[in-house]
All heavy atoms as atom14 arrays in JSON, in Angstrom:
{
  "sequence": "QYNNRGQTLFNSEDTSSYIKHGYVGNSDVYSIINYILHTVAQVEIDV",
  "atom14_mask": [
    [1, 1, 1, 1, 1, 1, 1, 1, 1, 0, 0, 0, 0, 0],
    [1, 1, 1, 1, 1, 1, 1, 1, 1, 1, 1, 1, 0, 0],
    [1, 1, 1, 1, 1, 1, 1, 1, 0, 0, 0, 0, 0, 0],
    [1, 1, 1, 1, 1, 1, 1, 1, 0, 0, 0, 0, 0, 0],
    [1, 1, 1, 1, 1, 1, 1, 1, 1, 1, 1, 0, 0, 0],
    [1, 1, 1, 1, 0, 0, 0, 0, 0, 0, 0, 0, 0, 0],
    [1, 1, 1, 1, 1, 1, 1, 1, 1, 0, 0, 0, 0, 0],
    [1, 1, 1, 1, 1, 1, 1, 0, 0, 0, 0, 0, 0, 0],
    [1, 1, 1, 1, 1, 1, 1, 1, 0, 0, 0, 0, 0, 0],
    [1, 1, 1, 1, 1, 1, 1, 1, 1, 1, 1, 0, 0, 0],
    [1, 1, 1, 1, 1, 1, 1, 1, 0, 0, 0, 0, 0, 0],
    [1, 1, 1, 1, 1, 1, 0, 0, 0, 0, 0, 0, 0, 0],
    [1, 1, 1, 1, 1, 1, 1, 1, 1, 0, 0, 0, 0, 0],
    [1, 1, 1, 1, 1, 1, 1, 1, 0, 0, 0, 0, 0, 0],
    [1, 1, 1, 1, 1, 1, 1, 0, 0, 0, 0, 0, 0, 0],
    [1, 1, 1, 1, 1, 1, 0, 0, 0, 0, 0, 0, 0, 0],
    [1, 1, 1, 1, 1, 1, 0, 0, 0, 0, 0, 0, 0, 0],
    [1, 1, 1, 1, 1, 1, 1, 1, 1, 1, 1, 1, 0, 0],
    [1, 1, 1, 1, 1, 1, 1, 1, 0, 0, 0, 0, 0, 0],
    [1, 1, 1, 1, 1, 1, 1, 1, 1, 0, 0, 0, 0, 0],
    [1, 1, 1, 1, 1, 1, 1, 1, 1, 1, 0, 0, 0, 0],
    [1, 1, 1, 1, 0, 0, 0, 0, 0, 0, 0, 0, 0, 0],
    [1, 1, 1, 1, 1, 1, 1, 1, 1, 1, 1, 1, 0, 0],
    [1, 1, 1, 1, 1, 1, 1, 0, 0, 0, 0, 0, 0, 0],
    [1, 1, 1, 1, 0, 0, 0, 0, 0, 0, 0, 0, 0, 0],
    [1, 1, 1, 1, 1, 1, 1, 1, 0, 0, 0, 0, 0, 0],
    [1, 1, 1, 1, 1, 1, 0, 0, 0, 0, 0, 0, 0, 0],
    [1, 1, 1, 1, 1, 1, 1, 1, 0, 0, 0, 0, 0, 0],
    [1, 1, 1, 1, 1, 1, 1, 0, 0, 0, 0, 0, 0, 0],
    [1, 1, 1, 1, 1, 1, 1, 1, 1, 1, 1, 1, 0, 0],
    [1, 1, 1, 1, 1, 1, 0, 0, 0, 0, 0, 0, 0, 0],
    [1, 1, 1, 1, 1, 1, 1, 1, 0, 0, 0, 0, 0, 0],
    [1, 1, 1, 1, 1, 1, 1, 1, 0, 0, 0, 0, 0, 0],
    [1, 1, 1, 1, 1, 1, 1, 1, 0, 0, 0, 0, 0, 0],
    [1, 1, 1, 1, 1, 1, 1, 1, 1, 1, 1, 1, 0, 0],
    [1, 1, 1, 1, 1, 1, 1, 1, 0, 0, 0, 0, 0, 0],
    [1, 1, 1, 1, 1, 1, 1, 1, 0, 0, 0, 0, 0, 0],
    [1, 1, 1, 1, 1, 1, 1, 1, 1, 1, 0, 0, 0, 0],
    [1, 1, 1, 1, 1, 1, 1, 0, 0, 0, 0, 0, 0, 0],
    [1, 1, 1, 1, 1, 1, 1, 0, 0, 0, 0, 0, 0, 0],
    [1, 1, 1, 1, 1, 0, 0, 0, 0, 0, 0, 0, 0, 0],
    [1, 1, 1, 1, 1, 1, 1, 1, 1, 0, 0, 0, 0, 0],
    [1, 1, 1, 1, 1, 1, 1, 0, 0, 0, 0, 0, 0, 0],
    [1, 1, 1, 1, 1, 1, 1, 1, 1, 0, 0, 0, 0, 0],
    [1, 1, 1, 1, 1, 1, 1, 1, 0, 0, 0, 0, 0, 0],
    [1, 1, 1, 1, 1, 1, 1, 1, 0, 0, 0, 0, 0, 0],
    [1, 1, 1, 1, 1, 1, 1, 0, 0, 0, 0, 0, 0, 0]
  ],
  "atom14_positions": [
    [[0.8, -1.23, 0.0], [0.0, 0.0, 0.0], [0.83, 1.28, 0.0], [0.36, 2.34, -0.43], [-0.95, 0.01, 1.21], [-0.23, -0.05, 2.55], [-1.21, -0.07, 3.72], [-2.13, 0.74, 3.76], [-1.01, -0.99, 4.64], [0.0, 0.0, 0.0], [0.0, 0.0, 0.0], [0.0, 0.0, 0.0], [0.0, 0.0, 0.0], [0.0, 0.0, 0.0]],
    [[2.06, 1.2, 0.49], [2.89, 2.4, 0.56], [3.77, 2.6, -0.66], [4.54, 3.56, -0.74], [3.74, 2.38, 1.83], [2.92, 2.33, 3.1], [2.9, 1.18, 3.89], [2.14, 3.41, 3.48], [2.13, 1.13, 5.04], [1.36, 3.36, 4.63], [1.36, 2.22, 5.41], [0.59, 2.16, 6.54], [0.0, 0.0, 0.0], [0.0, 0.0, 0.0]],
    [[3.7, 1.67, -1.61], [4.47, 1.82, -2.83], [3.75, 2.75, -3.8], [2.53, 2.66, -3.97], [4.69, 0.46, -3.51], [5.65, -0.42, -2.74], [6.29, 0.02, -1.78], [5.75, -1.68, -3.13], [0.0, 0.0, 0.0], [0.0, 0.0, 0.0], [0.0, 0.0, 0.0], [0.0, 0.0, 0.0], [0.0, 0.0, 0.0], [0.0, 0.0, 0.0]],
    [[4.5, 3.62, -4.45], [3.94, 4.5, -5.47], [4.3, 3.94, -6.85], [5.47, 3.61, -7.09], [4.48, 5.92, -5.33], [4.07, 6.56, -4.01], [2.92, 6.47, -3.6], [5.02, 7.21, -3.33], [0.0, 0.0, 0.0], [0.0, 0.0, 0.0], [0.0, 0.0, 0.0], [0.0, 0.0, 0.0], [0.0, 0.0, 0.0], [0.0, 0.0, 0.0]],
    [[3.31, 3.84, -7.73], [3.56, 3.29, -9.06], [4.68, 4.06, -9.75], [4.68, 5.29, -9.79], [2.29, 3.37, -9.91], [2.46, 2.74, -11.3], [1.16, 2.74, -12.06], [1.34, 2.23, -13.4], [1.38, 0.95, -13.74], [1.24, 0.03, -12.82], [1.56, 0.58, -15.0], [0.0, 0.0, 0.0], [0.0, 0.0, 0.0], [0.0, 0.0, 0.0]],
    [[5.65, 3.34, -10.27], [6.79, 3.96, -10.93], [7.98, 4.19, -10.01], [9.07, 4.53, -10.47], [0.0, 0.0, 0.0], [0.0, 0.0, 0.0], [0.0, 0.0, 0.0], [0.0, 0.0, 0.0], [0.0, 0.0, 0.0], [0.0, 0.0, 0.0], [0.0, 0.0, 0.0], [0.0, 0.0, 0.0], [0.0, 0.0, 0.0], [0.0, 0.0, 0.0]],
    [[7.77, 3.95, -8.72], [8.85, 4.13, -7.75], [9.85, 2.99, -7.86], [9.5, 1.84, -8.04], [8.24, 4.16, -6.34], [9.24, 4.05, -5.19], [8.55, 3.82, -3.86], [7.33, 3.76, -3.77], [9.34, 3.68, -2.8], [0.0, 0.0, 0.0], [0.0, 0.0, 0.0], [0.0, 0.0, 0.0], [0.0, 0.0, 0.0], [0.0, 0.0, 0.0]],
    [[11.14, 3.32, -7.79], [12.17, 2.3, -7.82], [12.31, 1.67, -6.44], [12.5, 2.38, -5.44], [13.53, 2.88, -8.25], [13.4, 3.43, -9.57], [14.59, 1.8, -8.28], [0.0, 0.0, 0.0], [0.0, 0.0, 0.0], [0.0, 0.0, 0.0], [0.0, 0.0, 0.0], [0.0, 0.0, 0.0], [0.0, 0.0, 0.0], [0.0, 0.0, 0.0]],
    [[12.2, 0.36, -6.37], [12.32, -0.36, -5.1], [13.71, -0.97, -5.03], [14.03, -1.92, -5.73], [11.25, -1.46, -5.03], [9.8, -0.99, -5.16], [8.87, -2.19, -5.17], [9.44, -0.04, -4.03], [0.0, 0.0, 0.0], [0.0, 0.0, 0.0], [0.0, 0.0, 0.0], [0.0, 0.0, 0.0], [0.0, 0.0, 0.0], [0.0, 0.0, 0.0]],
    [[14.55, -0.39, -4.18], [15.94, -0.84, -4.09], [16.04, -2.06, -3.18], [15.41, -2.13, -2.12], [16.83, 0.28, -3.57], [16.94, 1.44, -4.52], [16.16, 2.58, -4.34], [17.81, 1.39, -5.6], [16.25, 3.65, -5.21], [17.9, 2.46, -6.48], [17.11, 3.59, -6.28], [0.0, 0.0, 0.0], [0.0, 0.0, 0.0], [0.0, 0.0, 0.0]],
    [[16.86, -3.0, -3.61], [17.11, -4.21, -2.84], [17.99, -3.87, -1.64], [19.09, -3.33, -1.8], [17.79, -5.26, -3.72], [17.8, -6.64, -3.09], [17.59, -6.79, -1.9], [18.06, -7.65, -3.91], [0.0, 0.0, 0.0], [0.0, 0.0, 0.0], [0.0, 0.0, 0.0], [0.0, 0.0, 0.0], [0.0, 0.0, 0.0], [0.0, 0.0, 0.0]],
    [[17.54, -4.2, -0.44], [18.32, -3.88, 0.75], [19.53, -4.79, 0.9], [20.46, -4.48, 1.64], [17.44, -3.98, 2.01], [16.97, -5.31, 2.19], [0.0, 0.0, 0.0], [0.0, 0.0, 0.0], [0.0, 0.0, 0.0], [0.0, 0.0, 0.0], [0.0, 0.0, 0.0], [0.0, 0.0, 0.0], [0.0, 0.0, 0.0], [0.0, 0.0, 0.0]],
    [[19.52, -5.92, 0.19], [20.68, -6.8, 0.21], [21.75, -6.25, -0.74], [21.43, -5.81, -1.85], [20.31, -8.22, -0.23], [19.4, -8.96, 0.74], [19.17, -10.39, 0.31], [20.11, -11.0, -0.26], [18.06, -10.89, 0.51], [0.0, 0.0, 0.0], [0.0, 0.0, 0.0], [0.0, 0.0, 0.0], [0.0, 0.0, 0.0], [0.0, 0.0, 0.0]],
    [[22.99, -6.29, -0.3], [24.1, -5.81, -1.13], [24.55, -6.94, -2.05], [25.53, -7.63, -1.77], [25.26, -5.34, -0.23], [26.36, -4.65, -1.02], [26.23, -4.55, -2.26], [27.35, -4.22, -0.4], [0.0, 0.0, 0.0], [0.0, 0.0, 0.0], [0.0, 0.0, 0.0], [0.0, 0.0, 0.0], [0.0, 0.0, 0.0], [0.0, 0.0, 0.0]],
    [[23.82, -7.12, -3.14], [24.11, -8.24, -4.03], [25.46, -8.1, -4.74], [26.08, -9.11, -5.08], [22.98, -8.39, -5.07], [22.74, -7.12, -5.7], [21.69, -8.84, -4.4], [0.0, 0.0, 0.0], [0.0, 0.0, 0.0], [0.0, 0.0, 0.0], [0.0, 0.0, 0.0], [0.0, 0.0, 0.0], [0.0, 0.0, 0.0], [0.0, 0.0, 0.0]],
    [[25.9, -6.87, -4.97], [27.23, -6.68, -5.57], [28.32, -7.2, -4.64], [29.32, -7.76, -5.09], [27.47, -5.2, -5.87], [26.6, -4.74, -6.88], [0.0, 0.0, 0.0], [0.0, 0.0, 0.0], [0.0, 0.0, 0.0], [0.0, 0.0, 0.0], [0.0, 0.0, 0.0], [0.0, 0.0, 0.0], [0.0, 0.0, 0.0], [0.0, 0.0, 0.0]],
    [[28.09, -7.03, -3.35], [29.04, -7.52, -2.35], [29.06, -9.05, -2.33], [30.12, -9.65, -2.13], [28.67, -6.99, -0.97], [29.55, -7.5, 0.02], [0.0, 0.0, 0.0], [0.0, 0.0, 0.0], [0.0, 0.0, 0.0], [0.0, 0.0, 0.0], [0.0, 0.0, 0.0], [0.0, 0.0, 0.0], [0.0, 0.0, 0.0], [0.0, 0.0, 0.0]],
    [[27.9, -9.67, -2.57], [27.86, -11.13, -2.61], [28.73, -11.65, -3.74], [29.39, -12.7, -3.61], [26.42, -11.61, -2.82], [25.49, -11.36, -1.66], [24.13, -11.23, -1.84], [26.0, -11.26, -0.37], [23.28, -11.0, -0.77], [25.16, -11.02, 0.71], [23.8, -10.89, 0.5], [22.96, -10.66, 1.56], [0.0, 0.0, 0.0], [0.0, 0.0, 0.0]],
    [[28.73, -10.93, -4.86], [29.55, -11.35, -6.0], [31.03, -11.11, -5.72], [31.87, -12.0, -5.92], [29.12, -10.59, -7.28], [27.71, -11.0, -7.68], [30.11, -10.87, -8.42], [27.16, -10.23, -8.86], [0.0, 0.0, 0.0], [0.0, 0.0, 0.0], [0.0, 0.0, 0.0], [0.0, 0.0, 0.0], [0.0, 0.0, 0.0], [0.0, 0.0, 0.0]],
    [[31.36, -9.91, -5.22], [32.75, -9.53, -5.02], [33.41, -10.27, -3.86], [34.54, -10.77, -3.98], [32.84, -8.02, -4.78], [34.26, -7.5, -4.63], [34.28, -5.98, -4.47], [35.7, -5.45, -4.33], [35.72, -3.97, -4.16], [0.0, 0.0, 0.0], [0.0, 0.0, 0.0], [0.0, 0.0, 0.0], [0.0, 0.0, 0.0], [0.0, 0.0, 0.0]],
    [[32.71, -10.34, -2.74], [33.31, -10.93, -1.54], [32.85, -12.36, -1.28], [33.62, -13.19, -0.78], [32.99, -10.07, -0.31], [33.46, -8.66, -0.42], [34.79, -8.32, -0.45], [32.77, -7.49, -0.52], [34.91, -7.0, -0.56], [33.7, -6.48, -0.6], [0.0, 0.0, 0.0], [0.0, 0.0, 0.0], [0.0, 0.0, 0.0], [0.0, 0.0, 0.0]],
    [[31.58, -12.65, -1.63], [31.08, -14.0, -1.36], [31.51, -15.01, -2.4], [31.91, -16.12, -2.05], [0.0, 0.0, 0.0], [0.0, 0.0, 0.0], [0.0, 0.0, 0.0], [0.0, 0.0, 0.0], [0.0, 0.0, 0.0], [0.0, 0.0, 0.0], [0.0, 0.0, 0.0], [0.0, 0.0, 0.0], [0.0, 0.0, 0.0], [0.0, 0.0, 0.0]],
    [[31.44, -14.64, -3.69], [31.79, -15.58, -4.76], [33.23, -15.44, -5.2], [34.02, -16.39, -5.12], [30.84, -15.36, -5.95], [31.15, -16.25, -7.14], [30.99, -17.63, -7.05], [31.58, -15.71, -8.35], [31.26, -18.45, -8.14], [31.85, -16.51, -9.44], [31.69, -17.88, -9.34], [31.98, -18.69, -10.41], [0.0, 0.0, 0.0], [0.0, 0.0, 0.0]],
    [[33.61, -14.25, -5.65], [34.97, -14.04, -6.15], [36.0, -14.06, -5.01], [37.11, -14.59, -5.17], [35.06, -12.68, -6.9], [36.49, -12.43, -7.38], [34.09, -12.66, -8.07], [0.0, 0.0, 0.0], [0.0, 0.0, 0.0], [0.0, 0.0, 0.0], [0.0, 0.0, 0.0], [0.0, 0.0, 0.0], [0.0, 0.0, 0.0], [0.0, 0.0, 0.0]],
    [[35.63, -13.52, -3.85], [36.6, -13.37, -2.76], [36.68, -14.52, -1.79], [37.44, -14.45, -0.81], [0.0, 0.0, 0.0], [0.0, 0.0, 0.0], [0.0, 0.0, 0.0], [0.0, 0.0, 0.0], [0.0, 0.0, 0.0], [0.0, 0.0, 0.0], [0.0, 0.0, 0.0], [0.0, 0.0, 0.0], [0.0, 0.0, 0.0], [0.0, 0.0, 0.0]],
    [[35.91, -15.58, -2.01], [35.95, -16.72, -1.08], [36.1, -18.01, -1.88], [35.2, -18.39, -2.63], [34.66, -16.74, -0.24], [34.72, -17.77, 0.87], [34.71, -18.97, 0.61], [34.79, -17.3, 2.11], [0.0, 0.0, 0.0], [0.0, 0.0, 0.0], [0.0, 0.0, 0.0], [0.0, 0.0, 0.0], [0.0, 0.0, 0.0], [0.0, 0.0, 0.0]],
    [[37.22, -18.66, -1.7], [37.52, -19.85, -2.51], [36.56, -21.0, -2.25], [36.26, -21.78, -3.17], [38.97, -20.3, -2.25], [39.16, -20.61, -0.88], [0.0, 0.0, 0.0], [0.0, 0.0, 0.0], [0.0, 0.0, 0.0], [0.0, 0.0, 0.0], [0.0, 0.0, 0.0], [0.0, 0.0, 0.0], [0.0, 0.0, 0.0], [0.0, 0.0, 0.0]],
    [[36.06, -21.12, -1.01], [35.13, -22.2, -0.69], [33.8, -22.0, -1.43], [33.27, -22.93, -2.05], [34.88, -22.27, 0.82], [36.11, -22.71, 1.59], [36.93, -23.46, 1.01], [36.26, -22.32, 2.75], [0.0, 0.0, 0.0], [0.0, 0.0, 0.0], [0.0, 0.0, 0.0], [0.0, 0.0, 0.0], [0.0, 0.0, 0.0], [0.0, 0.0, 0.0]],
    [[33.26, -20.79, -1.35], [32.0, -20.48, -2.03], [32.17, -20.62, -3.53], [31.31, -21.18, -4.22], [31.52, -19.05, -1.68], [30.29, -18.67, -2.5], [31.22, -18.94, -0.19], [0.0, 0.0, 0.0], [0.0, 0.0, 0.0], [0.0, 0.0, 0.0], [0.0, 0.0, 0.0], [0.0, 0.0, 0.0], [0.0, 0.0, 0.0], [0.0, 0.0, 0.0]],
    [[33.28, -20.12, -4.04], [33.57, -20.2, -5.47], [33.58, -21.66, -5.95], [32.98, -22.0, -6.97], [34.92, -19.55, -5.77], [35.32, -19.57, -7.22], [34.95, -18.53, -8.07], [36.08, -20.62, -7.75], [35.31, -18.54, -9.42], [36.45, -20.64, -9.08], [36.07, -19.6, -9.91], [36.42, -19.62, -11.23], [0.0, 0.0, 0.0], [0.0, 0.0, 0.0]],
    [[34.23, -22.54, -5.18], [34.33, -23.94, -5.57], [32.98, -24.64, -5.54], [32.65, -25.42, -6.44], [35.3, -24.67, -4.62], [36.6, -24.12, -4.71], [0.0, 0.0, 0.0], [0.0, 0.0, 0.0], [0.0, 0.0, 0.0], [0.0, 0.0, 0.0], [0.0, 0.0, 0.0], [0.0, 0.0, 0.0], [0.0, 0.0, 0.0], [0.0, 0.0, 0.0]],
    [[32.19, -24.35, -4.5], [30.87, -24.99, -4.37], [29.95, -24.57, -5.51], [29.31, -25.41, -6.15], [30.23, -24.62, -3.01], [31.03, -25.25, -1.87], [28.77, -25.07, -2.96], [30.62, -24.78, -0.5], [0.0, 0.0, 0.0], [0.0, 0.0, 0.0], [0.0, 0.0, 0.0], [0.0, 0.0, 0.0], [0.0, 0.0, 0.0], [0.0, 0.0, 0.0]],
    [[29.88, -23.27, -5.77], [29.0, -22.78, -6.83], [29.46, -23.26, -8.2], [28.64, -23.65, -9.04], [28.92, -21.23, -6.79], [28.16, -20.8, -5.53], [28.23, -20.69, -8.04], [28.02, -19.3, -5.37], [0.0, 0.0, 0.0], [0.0, 0.0, 0.0], [0.0, 0.0, 0.0], [0.0, 0.0, 0.0], [0.0, 0.0, 0.0], [0.0, 0.0, 0.0]],
    [[30.76, -23.25, -8.42], [31.27, -23.73, -9.72], [30.98, -25.21, -9.93], [30.74, -25.65, -11.06], [32.76, -23.45, -9.84], [33.04, -22.14, -10.54], [32.2, -21.25, -10.57], [34.23, -21.99, -11.09], [0.0, 0.0, 0.0], [0.0, 0.0, 0.0], [0.0, 0.0, 0.0], [0.0, 0.0, 0.0], [0.0, 0.0, 0.0], [0.0, 0.0, 0.0]],
    [[31.01, -25.98, -8.87], [30.69, -27.4, -8.97], [29.22, -27.57, -9.39], [28.9, -28.38, -10.27], [30.93, -28.11, -7.64], [30.53, -29.56, -7.64], [31.36, -30.53, -8.21], [29.3, -29.97, -7.11], [30.99, -31.87, -8.23], [28.92, -31.29, -7.13], [29.77, -32.24, -7.69], [29.4, -33.57, -7.72], [0.0, 0.0, 0.0], [0.0, 0.0, 0.0]],
    [[28.34, -26.79, -8.78], [26.92, -26.83, -9.14], [26.73, -26.42, -10.6], [25.98, -27.06, -11.35], [26.09, -25.92, -8.21], [26.17, -26.43, -6.76], [24.64, -25.84, -8.68], [25.53, -25.5, -5.76], [0.0, 0.0, 0.0], [0.0, 0.0, 0.0], [0.0, 0.0, 0.0], [0.0, 0.0, 0.0], [0.0, 0.0, 0.0], [0.0, 0.0, 0.0]],
    [[27.4, -25.34, -11.01], [27.24, -24.83, -12.37], [27.78, -25.81, -13.4], [27.21, -25.95, -14.5], [27.95, -23.48, -12.52], [27.4, -22.34, -11.64], [28.13, -21.04, -11.95], [25.91, -22.18, -11.83], [0.0, 0.0, 0.0], [0.0, 0.0, 0.0], [0.0, 0.0, 0.0], [0.0, 0.0, 0.0], [0.0, 0.0, 0.0], [0.0, 0.0, 0.0]],
    [[28.86, -26.47, -13.07], [29.43, -27.47, -13.98], [28.43, -28.61, -14.18], [28.26, -29.12, -15.31], [30.74, -28.03, -13.42], [31.36, -29.1, -14.27], [31.94, -28.86, -15.49], [31.44, -30.45, -14.06], [32.37, -30.0, -16.01], [32.09, -30.98, -15.16], [0.0, 0.0, 0.0], [0.0, 0.0, 0.0], [0.0, 0.0, 0.0], [0.0, 0.0, 0.0]],
    [[27.74, -29.0, -13.1], [26.74, -30.06, -13.19], [25.54, -29.6, -14.02], [25.03, -30.34, -14.86], [26.27, -30.46, -11.78], [27.41, -30.86, -10.99], [25.28, -31.62, -11.85], [0.0, 0.0, 0.0], [0.0, 0.0, 0.0], [0.0, 0.0, 0.0], [0.0, 0.0, 0.0], [0.0, 0.0, 0.0], [0.0, 0.0, 0.0], [0.0, 0.0, 0.0]],
    [[25.1, -28.37, -13.78], [23.96, -27.81, -14.51], [24.25, -27.74, -16.01], [23.38, -28.04, -16.84], [23.62, -26.4, -13.98], [22.65, -25.68, -14.92], [23.03, -26.49, -12.59], [0.0, 0.0, 0.0], [0.0, 0.0, 0.0], [0.0, 0.0, 0.0], [0.0, 0.0, 0.0], [0.0, 0.0, 0.0], [0.0, 0.0, 0.0], [0.0, 0.0, 0.0]],
    [[25.47, -27.37, -16.35], [25.84, -27.21, -17.76], [25.74, -28.51, -18.54], [25.55, -28.51, -19.76], [27.25, -26.64, -17.86], [0.0, 0.0, 0.0], [0.0, 0.0, 0.0], [0.0, 0.0, 0.0], [0.0, 0.0, 0.0], [0.0, 0.0, 0.0], [0.0, 0.0, 0.0], [0.0, 0.0, 0.0], [0.0, 0.0, 0.0], [0.0, 0.0, 0.0]],
    [[25.83, -29.64, -17.84], [25.79, -30.94, -18.51], [24.38, -31.47, -18.7], [24.17, -32.47, -19.38], [26.61, -31.95, -17.7], [28.09, -31.58, -17.6], [28.89, -32.61, -16.82], [28.99, -33.77, -17.23], [29.43, -32.22, -15.7], [0.0, 0.0, 0.0], [0.0, 0.0, 0.0], [0.0, 0.0, 0.0], [0.0, 0.0, 0.0], [0.0, 0.0, 0.0]],
    [[23.42, -30.79, -18.09], [22.02, -31.23, -18.24], [21.53, -30.89, -19.64], [21.6, -29.74, -20.08], [21.11, -30.54, -17.19], [19.65, -30.93, -17.43], [21.55, -30.92, -15.79], [0.0, 0.0, 0.0], [0.0, 0.0, 0.0], [0.0, 0.0, 0.0], [0.0, 0.0, 0.0], [0.0, 0.0, 0.0], [0.0, 0.0, 0.0], [0.0, 0.0, 0.0]],
    [[21.04, -31.88, -20.36], [20.55, -31.67, -21.72], [19.09, -31.25, -21.68], [18.27, -31.88, -21.01], [20.72, -32.95, -22.54], [22.17, -33.34, -22.76], [22.32, -34.53, -23.68], [21.27, -35.03, -24.18], [23.45, -34.98, -23.91], [0.0, 0.0, 0.0], [0.0, 0.0, 0.0], [0.0, 0.0, 0.0], [0.0, 0.0, 0.0], [0.0, 0.0, 0.0]],
    [[18.77, -30.19, -22.39], [17.4, -29.68, -22.46], [16.91, -29.79, -23.9], [17.54, -29.28, -24.83], [17.33, -28.22, -21.99], [17.79, -28.11, -20.52], [15.91, -27.67, -22.13], [17.8, -26.69, -20.0], [0.0, 0.0, 0.0], [0.0, 0.0, 0.0], [0.0, 0.0, 0.0], [0.0, 0.0, 0.0], [0.0, 0.0, 0.0], [0.0, 0.0, 0.0]],
    [[15.8, -30.46, -24.05], [15.2, -30.63, -25.38], [13.98, -29.73, -25.46], [12.96, -29.97, -24.79], [14.81, -32.09, -25.59], [14.37, -32.38, -27.01], [14.66, -31.54, -27.89], [13.75, -33.43, -27.25], [0.0, 0.0, 0.0], [0.0, 0.0, 0.0], [0.0, 0.0, 0.0], [0.0, 0.0, 0.0], [0.0, 0.0, 0.0], [0.0, 0.0, 0.0]],
    [[14.07, -28.66, -26.23], [13.0, -27.67, -26.32], [12.07, -28.03, -27.48], [12.5, -28.2, -28.61], [13.56, -26.25, -26.52], [12.42, -25.23, -26.51], [14.58, -25.92, -25.43], [0.0, 0.0, 0.0], [0.0, 0.0, 0.0], [0.0, 0.0, 0.0], [0.0, 0.0, 0.0], [0.0, 0.0, 0.0], [0.0, 0.0, 0.0], [0.0, 0.0, 0.0]]
  ]
}
């Protein structure tokens, strides 16, 4: 009810920081996510 149409709603989470410090800056997180992505890339999708 308090939103005005056309108003920009900013994300309170610092998502840029998640990329810079969480993914790029942390080797454990980087390895886990890359392992998931490598698995996802091998999934065949028939459209």
